[in-house]
Amino acid sequence: MKITRRQAREKAMQVLYAYEISKEPIEMLVESIAAEELNEFPEYFKFAQSLVYKVLREKAMIDEIIVNHAKHWDFDRIAIMDRVLIRLGIAEFMYYEDVPTTVTISEYMGIAERFSTDNSGKFINGMLDSIQLTLDKEGKIKKTGKGAITSGMKRKGK
């Protein structure tokens, strides 16, 4: 069986969604949702686990970014699944230097199309694209290696 980073992202999303709905202890949710399927793939489990804990640690700041970009949307009226996916995308933009921003947007748009409402893919795409542009202008996105190649980031001296 082959596992991809997308599947790790989906597990992170499922953990965070379950946490939003149930408020069960996060450690229990990580273990029961992510570890169960990813335990044979430690690299992907660590990626999913890292995403979950990064989103939870930075949730207040991430939610402020969402509120500032959700024009004509009351934050609480954004579908829980969509909020979770946008939070994950912002965390990847800001804290995962090796992941190109274009990959992040594409991955979460695809996950939204699979797991959320009919219009969620477009909504996630628009929100993450707008947020990425703002964070990039503010110097809050730092990409290295493969992350810098396709992220649209300007190289120094160019």
N, C-alpha and C. Protein backbone atom coordinates (compact mmCIF):
# COMPACT_ATOMS: atom_id res chain seq x y z
N MET A 1 0.84 -1.19 0.00
CA MET A 1 0.00 0.00 0.00
C MET A 1 0.88 1.25 0.00
N LYS A 2 0.56 2.18 -0.88
CA LYS A 2 1.33 3.41 -0.98
C LYS A 2 0.54 4.55 -0.32
N ILE A 3 1.25 5.35 0.44
CA ILE A 3 0.65 6.50 1.11
C ILE A 3 1.27 7.76 0.51
N THR A 4 0.47 8.80 0.39
CA THR A 4 0.96 10.07 -0.13
C THR A 4 0.81 11.16 0.92
N ARG A 5 1.46 12.28 0.65
CA ARG A 5 1.29 13.42 1.56
C ARG A 5 -0.16 13.89 1.59
N ARG A 6 -0.86 13.74 0.47
CA ARG A 6 -2.27 14.14 0.47
C ARG A 6 -3.04 13.32 1.50
N GLN A 7 -2.76 12.03 1.57
CA GLN A 7 -3.45 11.20 2.57
C GLN A 7 -3.08 11.63 3.99
N ALA A 8 -1.86 12.05 4.19
CA ALA A 8 -1.46 12.58 5.50
C ALA A 8 -2.21 13.87 5.79
N ARG A 9 -2.36 14.72 4.77
CA ARG A 9 -3.12 15.96 4.95
C ARG A 9 -4.58 15.64 5.28
N GLU A 10 -5.14 14.64 4.60
CA GLU A 10 -6.52 14.25 4.87
C GLU A 10 -6.68 13.77 6.31
N LYS A 11 -5.71 13.02 6.79
CA LYS A 11 -5.77 12.56 8.19
C LYS A 11 -5.67 13.74 9.15
N ALA A 12 -4.80 14.70 8.86
CA ALA A 12 -4.70 15.90 9.70
C ALA A 12 -6.04 16.63 9.71
N MET A 13 -6.65 16.75 8.53
CA MET A 13 -7.95 17.40 8.43
C MET A 13 -9.00 16.65 9.25
N GLN A 14 -9.01 15.32 9.15
CA GLN A 14 -9.99 14.53 9.89
C GLN A 14 -9.81 14.67 11.40
N VAL A 15 -8.56 14.72 11.84
CA VAL A 15 -8.29 14.90 13.27
C VAL A 15 -8.80 16.27 13.73
N LEU A 16 -8.45 17.32 12.99
CA LEU A 16 -8.87 18.67 13.39
C LEU A 16 -10.38 18.85 13.30
N TYR A 17 -11.00 18.25 12.30
CA TYR A 17 -12.46 18.32 12.19
C TYR A 17 -13.11 17.61 13.38
N ALA A 18 -12.63 16.42 13.69
CA ALA A 18 -13.17 15.68 14.84
C ALA A 18 -12.99 16.47 16.12
N TYR A 19 -11.86 17.15 16.24
CA TYR A 19 -11.59 17.96 17.43
C TYR A 19 -12.58 19.12 17.53
N GLU A 20 -12.84 19.77 16.40
CA GLU A 20 -13.80 20.89 16.38
C GLU A 20 -15.19 20.43 16.79
N ILE A 21 -15.57 19.26 16.35
CA ILE A 21 -16.92 18.74 16.61
C ILE A 21 -17.04 18.17 18.02
N SER A 22 -16.04 17.38 18.44
CA SER A 22 -16.18 16.61 19.68
C SER A 22 -15.48 17.20 20.89
N LYS A 23 -14.42 17.97 20.65
CA LYS A 23 -13.56 18.49 21.73
C LYS A 23 -12.94 17.37 22.57
N GLU A 24 -12.84 16.18 21.97
CA GLU A 24 -12.13 15.07 22.61
C GLU A 24 -10.66 15.45 22.74
N PRO A 25 -9.92 14.83 23.63
CA PRO A 25 -8.49 15.14 23.75
C PRO A 25 -7.77 14.91 22.42
N ILE A 26 -7.00 15.90 22.02
CA ILE A 26 -6.36 15.85 20.70
C ILE A 26 -5.43 14.65 20.57
N GLU A 27 -4.74 14.30 21.63
CA GLU A 27 -3.83 13.15 21.57
C GLU A 27 -4.59 11.88 21.22
N MET A 28 -5.77 11.72 21.80
CA MET A 28 -6.59 10.55 21.52
C MET A 28 -7.04 10.54 20.05
N LEU A 29 -7.42 11.70 19.54
CA LEU A 29 -7.86 11.78 18.15
C LEU A 29 -6.71 11.51 17.19
N VAL A 30 -5.54 12.06 17.47
CA VAL A 30 -4.37 11.80 16.62
C VAL A 30 -4.11 10.30 16.59
N GLU A 31 -4.15 9.69 17.75
CA GLU A 31 -3.87 8.25 17.84
C GLU A 31 -4.94 7.42 17.11
N SER A 32 -6.20 7.74 17.34
CA SER A 32 -7.27 6.91 16.77
C SER A 32 -7.52 7.18 15.29
N ILE A 33 -7.26 8.38 14.82
CA ILE A 33 -7.55 8.70 13.42
C ILE A 33 -6.31 8.63 12.55
N ALA A 34 -5.25 9.30 12.94
CA ALA A 34 -4.06 9.37 12.08
C ALA A 34 -3.14 8.17 12.26
N ALA A 35 -2.84 7.84 13.49
CA ALA A 35 -1.85 6.77 13.74
C ALA A 35 -2.35 5.43 13.23
N GLU A 36 -3.64 5.20 13.35
CA GLU A 36 -4.20 3.91 12.95
C GLU A 36 -3.87 3.58 11.49
N GLU A 37 -4.03 4.55 10.61
CA GLU A 37 -3.80 4.29 9.18
C GLU A 37 -2.36 4.56 8.76
N LEU A 38 -1.70 5.46 9.45
CA LEU A 38 -0.36 5.88 9.02
C LEU A 38 0.77 5.26 9.83
N ASN A 39 0.46 4.37 10.76
CA ASN A 39 1.50 3.87 11.67
C ASN A 39 2.62 3.12 10.97
N GLU A 40 2.37 2.57 9.80
CA GLU A 40 3.42 1.89 9.04
C GLU A 40 4.25 2.88 8.21
N PHE A 41 3.86 4.13 8.23
CA PHE A 41 4.52 5.16 7.43
C PHE A 41 4.89 6.34 8.33
N PRO A 42 5.94 6.17 9.14
CA PRO A 42 6.25 7.18 10.16
C PRO A 42 6.47 8.58 9.61
N GLU A 43 7.04 8.70 8.42
CA GLU A 43 7.26 10.02 7.83
C GLU A 43 5.94 10.74 7.60
N TYR A 44 4.94 10.03 7.11
CA TYR A 44 3.64 10.64 6.84
C TYR A 44 2.85 10.88 8.12
N PHE A 45 2.99 9.97 9.08
CA PHE A 45 2.35 10.19 10.37
C PHE A 45 2.91 11.45 11.03
N LYS A 46 4.23 11.60 11.01
CA LYS A 46 4.86 12.78 11.62
C LYS A 46 4.41 14.06 10.92
N PHE A 47 4.26 14.01 9.59
CA PHE A 47 3.79 15.17 8.84
C PHE A 47 2.37 15.53 9.27
N ALA A 48 1.48 14.54 9.31
CA ALA A 48 0.09 14.79 9.73
C ALA A 48 0.03 15.31 11.16
N GLN A 49 0.76 14.66 12.04
CA GLN A 49 0.78 15.06 13.45
C GLN A 49 1.33 16.48 13.60
N SER A 50 2.38 16.77 12.88
CA SER A 50 2.99 18.10 12.93
C SER A 50 1.99 19.17 12.46
N LEU A 51 1.28 18.89 11.38
CA LEU A 51 0.26 19.84 10.90
C LEU A 51 -0.80 20.09 11.96
N VAL A 52 -1.29 19.03 12.57
CA VAL A 52 -2.33 19.16 13.60
C VAL A 52 -1.86 20.06 14.73
N TYR A 53 -0.69 19.76 15.27
CA TYR A 53 -0.22 20.53 16.43
C TYR A 53 0.18 21.95 16.06
N LYS A 54 0.68 22.16 14.85
CA LYS A 54 1.02 23.52 14.41
C LYS A 54 -0.25 24.36 14.30
N VAL A 55 -1.29 23.80 13.71
CA VAL A 55 -2.56 24.53 13.59
C VAL A 55 -3.10 24.87 14.97
N LEU A 56 -3.07 23.94 15.89
CA LEU A 56 -3.61 24.20 17.23
C LEU A 56 -2.79 25.24 17.98
N ARG A 57 -1.46 25.18 17.84
CA ARG A 57 -0.60 26.17 18.53
C ARG A 57 -0.80 27.58 17.98
N GLU A 58 -1.02 27.68 16.67
CA GLU A 58 -1.10 28.99 16.01
C GLU A 58 -2.54 29.37 15.65
N LYS A 59 -3.51 28.69 16.23
CA LYS A 59 -4.91 28.86 15.83
C LYS A 59 -5.40 30.30 15.93
N ALA A 60 -5.10 31.00 16.99
CA ALA A 60 -5.59 32.38 17.15
C ALA A 60 -5.06 33.27 16.04
N MET A 61 -3.76 33.17 15.74
CA MET A 61 -3.17 33.97 14.69
C MET A 61 -3.71 33.56 13.32
N ILE A 62 -3.84 32.27 13.09
CA ILE A 62 -4.36 31.77 11.81
C ILE A 62 -5.80 32.22 11.61
N ASP A 63 -6.61 32.13 12.65
CA ASP A 63 -8.00 32.56 12.54
C ASP A 63 -8.12 34.06 12.28
N GLU A 64 -7.22 34.83 12.84
CA GLU A 64 -7.21 36.27 12.56
C GLU A 64 -6.94 36.53 11.08
N ILE A 65 -6.03 35.78 10.50
CA ILE A 65 -5.74 35.89 9.07
C ILE A 65 -7.00 35.55 8.26
N ILE A 66 -7.68 34.49 8.65
CA ILE A 66 -8.90 34.09 7.93
C ILE A 66 -9.95 35.19 8.02
N VAL A 67 -10.18 35.71 9.21
CA VAL A 67 -11.17 36.78 9.40
C VAL A 67 -10.84 37.98 8.52
N ASN A 68 -9.57 38.34 8.44
CA ASN A 68 -9.16 39.49 7.63
C ASN A 68 -9.32 39.27 6.14
N HIS A 69 -9.41 38.02 5.70
CA HIS A 69 -9.56 37.73 4.27
C HIS A 69 -10.95 37.24 3.90
N ALA A 70 -11.78 36.99 4.86
CA ALA A 70 -13.12 36.46 4.59
C ALA A 70 -14.09 37.62 4.39
N LYS A 71 -13.88 38.35 3.33
CA LYS A 71 -14.75 39.49 3.01
C LYS A 71 -16.18 38.98 2.81
N HIS A 72 -17.12 39.65 3.40
CA HIS A 72 -18.54 39.32 3.28
C HIS A 72 -18.89 37.97 3.90
N TRP A 73 -18.01 37.44 4.74
CA TRP A 73 -18.27 36.16 5.42
C TRP A 73 -18.08 36.36 6.91
N ASP A 74 -19.08 35.95 7.67
CA ASP A 74 -18.93 35.88 9.11
C ASP A 74 -18.14 34.60 9.40
N PHE A 75 -17.07 34.72 10.16
CA PHE A 75 -16.18 33.59 10.42
C PHE A 75 -16.94 32.34 10.87
N ASP A 76 -17.89 32.52 11.77
CA ASP A 76 -18.63 31.37 12.30
C ASP A 76 -19.57 30.73 11.28
N ARG A 77 -19.82 31.41 10.18
CA ARG A 77 -20.69 30.85 9.15
C ARG A 77 -19.90 30.09 8.09
N ILE A 78 -18.58 30.18 8.13
CA ILE A 78 -17.76 29.37 7.23
C ILE A 78 -17.86 27.92 7.71
N ALA A 79 -18.12 27.02 6.80
CA ALA A 79 -18.26 25.60 7.17
C ALA A 79 -17.04 25.14 7.97
N ILE A 80 -17.27 24.35 8.99
CA ILE A 80 -16.18 23.88 9.85
C ILE A 80 -15.10 23.21 9.02
N MET A 81 -15.50 22.36 8.08
CA MET A 81 -14.52 21.67 7.23
C MET A 81 -13.67 22.68 6.47
N ASP A 82 -14.29 23.72 5.93
CA ASP A 82 -13.55 24.72 5.17
C ASP A 82 -12.60 25.50 6.08
N ARG A 83 -13.04 25.84 7.28
CA ARG A 83 -12.14 26.52 8.23
C ARG A 83 -10.93 25.65 8.53
N VAL A 84 -11.16 24.37 8.75
CA VAL A 84 -10.07 23.45 9.05
C VAL A 84 -9.08 23.41 7.88
N LEU A 85 -9.60 23.31 6.66
CA LEU A 85 -8.72 23.23 5.48
C LEU A 85 -7.93 24.52 5.27
N ILE A 86 -8.57 25.66 5.48
CA ILE A 86 -7.87 26.93 5.34
C ILE A 86 -6.79 27.05 6.42
N ARG A 87 -7.10 26.65 7.63
CA ARG A 87 -6.10 26.68 8.71
C ARG A 87 -4.89 25.83 8.33
N LEU A 88 -5.14 24.64 7.83
CA LEU A 88 -4.03 23.76 7.42
C LEU A 88 -3.21 24.40 6.31
N GLY A 89 -3.88 25.01 5.34
CA GLY A 89 -3.17 25.67 4.25
C GLY A 89 -2.29 26.80 4.74
N ILE A 90 -2.81 27.62 5.63
CA ILE A 90 -2.02 28.73 6.18
C ILE A 90 -0.81 28.19 6.95
N ALA A 91 -1.01 27.15 7.72
CA ALA A 91 0.11 26.55 8.45
C ALA A 91 1.18 26.07 7.48
N GLU A 92 0.78 25.44 6.39
CA GLU A 92 1.77 24.99 5.40
C GLU A 92 2.48 26.18 4.76
N PHE A 93 1.75 27.22 4.43
CA PHE A 93 2.39 28.40 3.85
C PHE A 93 3.50 28.92 4.75
N MET A 94 3.19 29.04 6.02
CA MET A 94 4.07 29.76 6.94
C MET A 94 5.14 28.90 7.60
N TYR A 95 4.90 27.61 7.75
CA TYR A 95 5.81 26.81 8.57
C TYR A 95 6.43 25.60 7.88
N TYR A 96 6.06 25.34 6.66
CA TYR A 96 6.61 24.18 5.94
C TYR A 96 7.35 24.69 4.71
N GLU A 97 8.61 25.00 4.91
CA GLU A 97 9.42 25.67 3.90
C GLU A 97 9.62 24.84 2.64
N ASP A 98 9.50 23.54 2.73
CA ASP A 98 9.76 22.67 1.59
C ASP A 98 8.54 22.44 0.70
N VAL A 99 7.37 22.96 1.09
CA VAL A 99 6.15 22.73 0.31
C VAL A 99 5.81 24.00 -0.48
N PRO A 100 5.84 23.92 -1.81
CA PRO A 100 5.48 25.09 -2.62
C PRO A 100 4.05 25.54 -2.33
N THR A 101 3.83 26.84 -2.37
CA THR A 101 2.49 27.36 -2.08
C THR A 101 1.47 26.86 -3.11
N THR A 102 1.90 26.69 -4.36
CA THR A 102 0.97 26.19 -5.38
C THR A 102 0.51 24.76 -5.05
N VAL A 103 1.41 23.97 -4.50
CA VAL A 103 1.06 22.61 -4.10
C VAL A 103 0.06 22.65 -2.94
N THR A 104 0.33 23.50 -1.96
CA THR A 104 -0.57 23.63 -0.81
C THR A 104 -1.98 23.98 -1.27
N ILE A 105 -2.10 24.99 -2.12
CA ILE A 105 -3.42 25.41 -2.60
C ILE A 105 -4.11 24.27 -3.34
N SER A 106 -3.40 23.64 -4.24
CA SER A 106 -3.96 22.54 -5.03
C SER A 106 -4.41 21.38 -4.15
N GLU A 107 -3.60 21.03 -3.18
CA GLU A 107 -3.92 19.90 -2.30
C GLU A 107 -5.19 20.18 -1.49
N TYR A 108 -5.28 21.35 -0.87
CA TYR A 108 -6.45 21.62 -0.02
C TYR A 108 -7.70 21.89 -0.85
N MET A 109 -7.54 22.41 -2.05
CA MET A 109 -8.68 22.55 -2.95
C MET A 109 -9.22 21.16 -3.30
N GLY A 110 -8.32 20.24 -3.62
CA GLY A 110 -8.73 18.87 -3.94
C GLY A 110 -9.39 18.16 -2.77
N ILE A 111 -8.83 18.35 -1.59
CA ILE A 111 -9.42 17.74 -0.39
C ILE A 111 -10.81 18.32 -0.14
N ALA A 112 -10.96 19.63 -0.33
CA ALA A 112 -12.27 20.27 -0.14
C ALA A 112 -13.29 19.70 -1.12
N GLU A 113 -12.87 19.51 -2.37
CA GLU A 113 -13.79 18.97 -3.37
C GLU A 113 -14.23 17.55 -3.00
N ARG A 114 -13.39 16.82 -2.33
CA ARG A 114 -13.72 15.44 -1.94
C ARG A 114 -14.55 15.37 -0.66
N PHE A 115 -14.26 16.24 0.31
CA PHE A 115 -14.85 16.09 1.64
C PHE A 115 -15.86 17.15 2.03
N SER A 116 -15.93 18.27 1.32
CA SER A 116 -16.80 19.36 1.77
C SER A 116 -17.92 19.60 0.76
N THR A 117 -18.45 20.80 0.72
CA THR A 117 -19.61 21.12 -0.12
C THR A 117 -19.20 21.30 -1.58
N ASP A 118 -20.19 21.40 -2.44
CA ASP A 118 -19.94 21.53 -3.88
C ASP A 118 -19.09 22.74 -4.23
N ASN A 119 -19.27 23.84 -3.52
CA ASN A 119 -18.54 25.06 -3.83
C ASN A 119 -17.27 25.25 -3.00
N SER A 120 -16.98 24.33 -2.14
CA SER A 120 -15.85 24.50 -1.22
C SER A 120 -14.50 24.55 -1.93
N GLY A 121 -14.32 23.77 -2.97
CA GLY A 121 -13.04 23.79 -3.68
C GLY A 121 -12.70 25.18 -4.19
N LYS A 122 -13.68 25.83 -4.80
CA LYS A 122 -13.47 27.19 -5.32
C LYS A 122 -13.24 28.17 -4.17
N PHE A 123 -14.01 28.01 -3.10
CA PHE A 123 -13.87 28.89 -1.95
C PHE A 123 -12.48 28.75 -1.33
N ILE A 124 -12.03 27.53 -1.12
CA ILE A 124 -10.70 27.27 -0.55
C ILE A 124 -9.63 27.84 -1.47
N ASN A 125 -9.77 27.61 -2.76
CA ASN A 125 -8.80 28.13 -3.73
C ASN A 125 -8.71 29.65 -3.63
N GLY A 126 -9.85 30.32 -3.64
CA GLY A 126 -9.85 31.78 -3.57
C GLY A 126 -9.28 32.31 -2.27
N MET A 127 -9.69 31.71 -1.17
CA MET A 127 -9.19 32.15 0.14
C MET A 127 -7.69 31.94 0.26
N LEU A 128 -7.22 30.73 -0.05
CA LEU A 128 -5.79 30.45 0.11
C LEU A 128 -4.95 31.27 -0.86
N ASP A 129 -5.45 31.49 -2.07
CA ASP A 129 -4.70 32.31 -3.02
C ASP A 129 -4.55 33.73 -2.49
N SER A 130 -5.63 34.31 -2.02
CA SER A 130 -5.59 35.67 -1.47
C SER A 130 -4.69 35.75 -0.24
N ILE A 131 -4.81 34.78 0.64
CA ILE A 131 -3.99 34.76 1.86
C ILE A 131 -2.52 34.60 1.51
N GLN A 132 -2.22 33.72 0.56
CA GLN A 132 -0.83 33.51 0.15
C GLN A 132 -0.22 34.79 -0.39
N LEU A 133 -0.96 35.52 -1.21
CA LEU A 133 -0.44 36.78 -1.76
C LEU A 133 -0.13 37.78 -0.64
N THR A 134 -1.04 37.90 0.31
CA THR A 134 -0.83 38.83 1.43
C THR A 134 0.36 38.41 2.28
N LEU A 135 0.41 37.15 2.66
CA LEU A 135 1.52 36.67 3.50
C LEU A 135 2.85 36.81 2.78
N ASP A 136 2.85 36.59 1.48
CA ASP A 136 4.08 36.74 0.70
C ASP A 136 4.53 38.20 0.72
N LYS A 137 3.61 39.13 0.49
CA LYS A 137 3.93 40.56 0.51
C LYS A 137 4.45 40.99 1.88
N GLU A 138 3.91 40.39 2.93
CA GLU A 138 4.32 40.73 4.30
C GLU A 138 5.61 40.02 4.71
N GLY A 139 6.16 39.20 3.83
CA GLY A 139 7.40 38.48 4.14
C GLY A 139 7.21 37.35 5.14
N LYS A 140 5.99 36.84 5.25
CA LYS A 140 5.71 35.78 6.23
C LYS A 140 5.80 34.38 5.64
N ILE A 141 6.10 34.29 4.35
CA ILE A 141 6.29 32.99 3.72
C ILE A 141 7.74 32.89 3.30
N LYS A 142 8.41 31.90 3.83
CA LYS A 142 9.82 31.65 3.51
C LYS A 142 9.91 30.24 2.98
N LYS A 143 10.24 30.10 1.71
CA LYS A 143 10.34 28.78 1.11
C LYS A 143 11.79 28.51 0.71
N THR A 144 12.19 27.26 0.87
CA THR A 144 13.54 26.85 0.51
C THR A 144 13.47 25.60 -0.35
N GLY A 145 14.54 25.30 -1.04
CA GLY A 145 14.60 24.08 -1.84
C GLY A 145 13.44 24.00 -2.81
N LYS A 146 12.81 22.84 -2.86
CA LYS A 146 11.67 22.63 -3.76
C LYS A 146 10.54 23.60 -3.46
N GLY A 147 10.41 24.01 -2.22
CA GLY A 147 9.35 24.93 -1.84
C GLY A 147 9.45 26.27 -2.53
N ALA A 148 10.68 26.70 -2.83
CA ALA A 148 10.89 28.01 -3.46
C ALA A 148 10.75 27.95 -4.98
N ILE A 149 10.90 26.78 -5.55
CA ILE A 149 10.94 26.65 -7.00
C ILE A 149 9.61 27.01 -7.65
N THR A 150 8.52 26.46 -7.17
CA THR A 150 7.24 26.66 -7.84
C THR A 150 6.26 27.50 -7.04
N SER A 151 6.75 28.18 -6.04
CA SER A 151 5.82 28.91 -5.18
C SER A 151 5.54 30.32 -5.68
N GLY A 152 6.21 30.74 -6.75
CA GLY A 152 5.99 32.09 -7.23
C GLY A 152 6.78 33.11 -6.43
N MET A 153 7.64 32.66 -5.55
CA MET A 153 8.44 33.55 -4.73
C MET A 153 9.54 34.16 -5.59
N LYS A 154 9.84 35.41 -5.35
CA LYS A 154 10.93 36.07 -6.05
C LYS A 154 12.25 35.69 -5.40
N ARG A 155 13.22 35.41 -6.23
CA ARG A 155 14.55 35.10 -5.69
C ARG A 155 15.29 36.40 -5.42
N LYS A 156 16.17 36.35 -4.45
CA LYS A 156 16.97 37.53 -4.13
C LYS A 156 17.80 37.92 -5.34
N GLY A 157 17.86 39.21 -5.58
CA GLY A 157 18.68 39.72 -6.67
C GLY A 157 18.00 39.69 -8.02
N LYS A 158 16.75 39.31 -8.08
CA LYS A 158 16.06 39.27 -9.38
C LYS A 158 14.92 40.23 -9.39
